[in-house]
Each structure stands twice: as structure tokens, then as C-alpha cells.
Amino acid sequence: MWRILFFVIPFAGLLPLALSTNMDPFLAGLISAAMASLLALALSFLVLSGRRQAVANQLAAARVAKHQKNVDESHEDDVLDASSR
């Protein structure tokens, strides 16, 4: 939602500005979209860093949980280690 707003608001402001320069409407739209995309990227990076970090922490926790052995696997490993000695 925020990323869409970070793009749409600058695009809505830049498009009339670009069209007022009497350039081709397609080119004006393309330049406005490119500039709005760069601005949205920068704003997302700065403003949404907390959300990005929260998602990264959740992914890291899920990865750790996936590689942890449960009680049965630990017991089987202990039995196999004891029998190989």
C-alpha cells in the first residue's frame, strides 16, 4: 500500500510538470514514471526499513527452526553414535 502511494503521488505531480514542457506525451509519461520509480525506491528504503527488518527476522527465525532437530532425531543420532563406538 505504502509503496503504491510512494509512486502514485510523485507521478501525479511530475506528469503535469513534464507535460507543461510541450514534449511528447508518451515521453513525458515515461520520464515521469522513471523519476517517480526512483523516488519511490528511495522512500521505501528509508521509510519502510523497520518492516523490511521485521520480515528479515521472521525469515531468519523460520530458517533456524527448519534446521533444528526435534527430540526424535536427536535420540536417533545419540543411538547411532553410541552404536558406532
N, C-alpha and C. Protein backbone atom coordinates (compact mmCIF):
# COMPACT_ATOMS: atom_id res chain seq x y z
N MET A 1 0.82 -1.19 0.00
CA MET A 1 0.00 0.00 0.00
C MET A 1 0.87 1.26 0.00
N TRP A 2 1.86 1.30 0.93
CA TRP A 2 2.71 2.47 1.02
C TRP A 2 3.55 2.65 -0.24
N ARG A 3 4.04 1.55 -0.78
CA ARG A 3 4.88 1.65 -1.98
C ARG A 3 4.09 2.18 -3.16
N ILE A 4 2.84 1.81 -3.24
CA ILE A 4 2.00 2.34 -4.32
C ILE A 4 1.83 3.85 -4.15
N LEU A 5 1.57 4.27 -2.93
CA LEU A 5 1.43 5.70 -2.68
C LEU A 5 2.73 6.45 -2.93
N PHE A 6 3.85 5.82 -2.56
CA PHE A 6 5.15 6.45 -2.81
C PHE A 6 5.41 6.64 -4.31
N PHE A 7 4.75 5.85 -5.14
CA PHE A 7 4.91 6.00 -6.60
C PHE A 7 3.85 6.94 -7.17
N VAL A 8 2.60 6.73 -6.79
CA VAL A 8 1.48 7.44 -7.42
C VAL A 8 1.53 8.94 -7.14
N ILE A 9 1.83 9.32 -5.92
CA ILE A 9 1.83 10.75 -5.58
C ILE A 9 2.90 11.53 -6.35
N PRO A 10 4.16 11.06 -6.38
CA PRO A 10 5.14 11.80 -7.20
C PRO A 10 4.81 11.75 -8.69
N PHE A 11 4.29 10.63 -9.16
CA PHE A 11 3.94 10.52 -10.57
C PHE A 11 2.85 11.53 -10.93
N ALA A 12 1.85 11.65 -10.04
CA ALA A 12 0.77 12.61 -10.28
C ALA A 12 1.28 14.05 -10.26
N GLY A 13 2.32 14.32 -9.53
CA GLY A 13 2.89 15.66 -9.51
C GLY A 13 3.84 15.91 -10.67
N LEU A 14 4.58 14.89 -11.08
CA LEU A 14 5.57 15.06 -12.14
C LEU A 14 4.97 15.05 -13.54
N LEU A 15 3.90 14.31 -13.74
CA LEU A 15 3.32 14.20 -15.08
C LEU A 15 2.82 15.55 -15.61
N PRO A 16 2.04 16.30 -14.85
CA PRO A 16 1.64 17.62 -15.38
C PRO A 16 2.83 18.55 -15.61
N LEU A 17 3.83 18.44 -14.75
CA LEU A 17 5.03 19.25 -14.91
C LEU A 17 5.75 18.90 -16.22
N ALA A 18 5.86 17.61 -16.50
CA ALA A 18 6.52 17.18 -17.74
C ALA A 18 5.69 17.52 -18.97
N LEU A 19 4.38 17.42 -18.85
CA LEU A 19 3.51 17.76 -19.98
C LEU A 19 3.53 19.25 -20.28
N SER A 20 3.80 20.07 -19.28
CA SER A 20 3.81 21.51 -19.49
C SER A 20 5.04 21.97 -20.29
N THR A 21 6.00 21.08 -20.49
CA THR A 21 7.21 21.44 -21.26
C THR A 21 7.02 21.21 -22.76
N ASN A 22 5.83 20.86 -23.18
CA ASN A 22 5.50 20.62 -24.59
C ASN A 22 6.28 19.48 -25.22
N MET A 23 6.66 18.49 -24.42
CA MET A 23 7.31 17.31 -25.00
C MET A 23 6.23 16.29 -25.35
N ASP A 24 6.61 15.29 -26.09
CA ASP A 24 5.71 14.23 -26.50
C ASP A 24 5.05 13.62 -25.25
N PRO A 25 3.73 13.42 -25.24
CA PRO A 25 3.06 12.89 -24.05
C PRO A 25 3.58 11.52 -23.61
N PHE A 26 3.91 10.66 -24.57
CA PHE A 26 4.45 9.35 -24.20
C PHE A 26 5.79 9.50 -23.48
N LEU A 27 6.65 10.34 -24.02
CA LEU A 27 7.96 10.57 -23.40
C LEU A 27 7.81 11.24 -22.04
N ALA A 28 6.87 12.16 -21.93
CA ALA A 28 6.62 12.81 -20.64
C ALA A 28 6.17 11.79 -19.60
N GLY A 29 5.30 10.88 -20.00
CA GLY A 29 4.84 9.83 -19.08
C GLY A 29 5.95 8.89 -18.69
N LEU A 30 6.80 8.56 -19.67
CA LEU A 30 7.91 7.65 -19.41
C LEU A 30 8.93 8.28 -18.45
N ILE A 31 9.26 9.52 -18.68
CA ILE A 31 10.21 10.21 -17.80
C ILE A 31 9.61 10.39 -16.40
N SER A 32 8.34 10.74 -16.34
CA SER A 32 7.67 10.90 -15.04
C SER A 32 7.64 9.57 -14.28
N ALA A 33 7.36 8.49 -14.99
CA ALA A 33 7.31 7.17 -14.35
C ALA A 33 8.69 6.76 -13.85
N ALA A 34 9.73 7.04 -14.64
CA ALA A 34 11.08 6.69 -14.22
C ALA A 34 11.49 7.48 -12.98
N MET A 35 11.21 8.77 -12.98
CA MET A 35 11.58 9.60 -11.84
C MET A 35 10.77 9.22 -10.60
N ALA A 36 9.48 8.94 -10.79
CA ALA A 36 8.64 8.53 -9.66
C ALA A 36 9.10 7.17 -9.12
N SER A 37 9.55 6.28 -10.00
CA SER A 37 10.05 4.98 -9.54
C SER A 37 11.29 5.13 -8.69
N LEU A 38 12.21 5.98 -9.12
CA LEU A 38 13.42 6.20 -8.33
C LEU A 38 13.11 6.84 -6.98
N LEU A 39 12.19 7.77 -6.98
CA LEU A 39 11.80 8.41 -5.73
C LEU A 39 11.09 7.41 -4.81
N ALA A 40 10.23 6.57 -5.38
CA ALA A 40 9.54 5.55 -4.58
C ALA A 40 10.52 4.54 -4.01
N LEU A 41 11.53 4.19 -4.78
CA LEU A 41 12.55 3.27 -4.28
C LEU A 41 13.29 3.87 -3.09
N ALA A 42 13.68 5.12 -3.21
CA ALA A 42 14.40 5.78 -2.12
C ALA A 42 13.51 5.93 -0.88
N LEU A 43 12.28 6.33 -1.07
CA LEU A 43 11.36 6.48 0.07
C LEU A 43 11.09 5.14 0.74
N SER A 44 10.89 4.09 -0.05
CA SER A 44 10.65 2.77 0.52
C SER A 44 11.84 2.30 1.33
N PHE A 45 13.03 2.55 0.81
CA PHE A 45 14.23 2.13 1.52
C PHE A 45 14.36 2.86 2.85
N LEU A 46 14.06 4.15 2.87
CA LEU A 46 14.22 4.94 4.08
C LEU A 46 13.07 4.75 5.07
N VAL A 47 11.85 4.79 4.58
CA VAL A 47 10.69 4.81 5.47
C VAL A 47 10.29 3.41 5.93
N LEU A 48 10.42 2.42 5.06
CA LEU A 48 9.94 1.08 5.38
C LEU A 48 11.05 0.15 5.87
N SER A 49 12.14 0.70 6.37
CA SER A 49 13.24 -0.15 6.82
C SER A 49 12.85 -1.01 8.02
N GLY A 50 12.00 -0.51 8.88
CA GLY A 50 11.55 -1.30 10.04
C GLY A 50 10.77 -2.52 9.61
N ARG A 51 9.89 -2.36 8.66
CA ARG A 51 9.12 -3.50 8.15
C ARG A 51 10.03 -4.50 7.45
N ARG A 52 10.98 -3.99 6.69
CA ARG A 52 11.91 -4.87 5.98
C ARG A 52 12.72 -5.68 6.98
N GLN A 53 13.17 -5.05 8.06
CA GLN A 53 13.94 -5.75 9.08
C GLN A 53 13.08 -6.79 9.80
N ALA A 54 11.81 -6.49 10.04
CA ALA A 54 10.93 -7.45 10.70
C ALA A 54 10.73 -8.69 9.84
N VAL A 55 10.56 -8.50 8.55
CA VAL A 55 10.39 -9.64 7.64
C VAL A 55 11.69 -10.45 7.59
N ALA A 56 12.82 -9.78 7.56
CA ALA A 56 14.10 -10.49 7.54
C ALA A 56 14.29 -11.31 8.81
N ASN A 57 13.88 -10.77 9.95
CA ASN A 57 13.97 -11.51 11.21
C ASN A 57 13.06 -12.73 11.21
N GLN A 58 11.86 -12.58 10.67
CA GLN A 58 10.95 -13.72 10.59
C GLN A 58 11.50 -14.81 9.68
N LEU A 59 12.09 -14.42 8.56
CA LEU A 59 12.68 -15.41 7.65
C LEU A 59 13.86 -16.12 8.30
N ALA A 60 14.67 -15.37 9.03
CA ALA A 60 15.82 -15.98 9.72
C ALA A 60 15.35 -16.95 10.79
N ALA A 61 14.31 -16.59 11.54
CA ALA A 61 13.78 -17.48 12.57
C ALA A 61 13.20 -18.73 11.96
N ALA A 62 12.51 -18.59 10.84
CA ALA A 62 11.94 -19.76 10.17
C ALA A 62 13.04 -20.68 9.65
N ARG A 63 14.13 -20.11 9.17
CA ARG A 63 15.24 -20.92 8.68
C ARG A 63 15.92 -21.68 9.81
N VAL A 64 16.09 -21.02 10.96
CA VAL A 64 16.69 -21.68 12.11
C VAL A 64 15.79 -22.79 12.60
N ALA A 65 14.49 -22.53 12.66
CA ALA A 65 13.54 -23.54 13.13
C ALA A 65 13.51 -24.74 12.20
N LYS A 66 13.70 -24.51 10.91
CA LYS A 66 13.67 -25.60 9.94
C LYS A 66 14.86 -26.54 10.14
N HIS A 67 16.00 -26.00 10.55
CA HIS A 67 17.21 -26.80 10.67
C HIS A 67 17.43 -27.35 12.08
N GLN A 68 16.54 -27.05 13.01
CA GLN A 68 16.68 -27.61 14.35
C GLN A 68 16.14 -29.03 14.36
N LYS A 69 16.81 -29.89 15.09
CA LYS A 69 16.37 -31.27 15.19
C LYS A 69 15.30 -31.36 16.28
N ASN A 70 14.34 -32.25 16.04
CA ASN A 70 13.36 -32.47 17.08
C ASN A 70 13.88 -33.54 18.03
N VAL A 71 13.12 -33.91 19.03
CA VAL A 71 13.57 -34.84 20.07
C VAL A 71 13.86 -36.21 19.47
N ASP A 72 13.02 -36.67 18.56
CA ASP A 72 13.22 -37.99 17.96
C ASP A 72 14.51 -38.05 17.16
N GLU A 73 14.78 -37.03 16.37
CA GLU A 73 16.00 -37.02 15.58
C GLU A 73 17.23 -36.98 16.48
N SER A 74 17.18 -36.22 17.54
CA SER A 74 18.31 -36.16 18.47
C SER A 74 18.54 -37.51 19.13
N HIS A 75 17.46 -38.19 19.53
CA HIS A 75 17.58 -39.51 20.16
C HIS A 75 18.17 -40.51 19.17
N GLU A 76 17.69 -40.49 17.92
CA GLU A 76 18.23 -41.40 16.91
C GLU A 76 19.71 -41.14 16.68
N ASP A 77 20.10 -39.89 16.63
CA ASP A 77 21.52 -39.57 16.44
C ASP A 77 22.36 -40.09 17.62
N ASP A 78 21.85 -39.95 18.84
CA ASP A 78 22.56 -40.43 20.01
C ASP A 78 22.71 -41.94 19.98
N VAL A 79 21.65 -42.65 19.58
CA VAL A 79 21.70 -44.10 19.49
C VAL A 79 22.70 -44.53 18.43
N LEU A 80 22.68 -43.88 17.29
CA LEU A 80 23.62 -44.24 16.23
C LEU A 80 25.05 -43.94 16.63
N ASP A 81 25.27 -42.82 17.30
CA ASP A 81 26.62 -42.51 17.76
C ASP A 81 27.11 -43.52 18.79
N ALA A 82 26.22 -43.95 19.68
CA ALA A 82 26.61 -44.92 20.72
C ALA A 82 26.90 -46.28 20.09
N SER A 83 26.16 -46.66 19.07
CA SER A 83 26.36 -47.99 18.47
C SER A 83 27.61 -48.03 17.59
N SER A 84 28.07 -46.88 17.11
CA SER A 84 29.27 -46.87 16.25
C SER A 84 30.56 -46.89 17.05
N ARG A 85 30.49 -46.73 18.34
CA ARG A 85 31.70 -46.72 19.18
C ARG A 85 32.15 -48.08 19.53
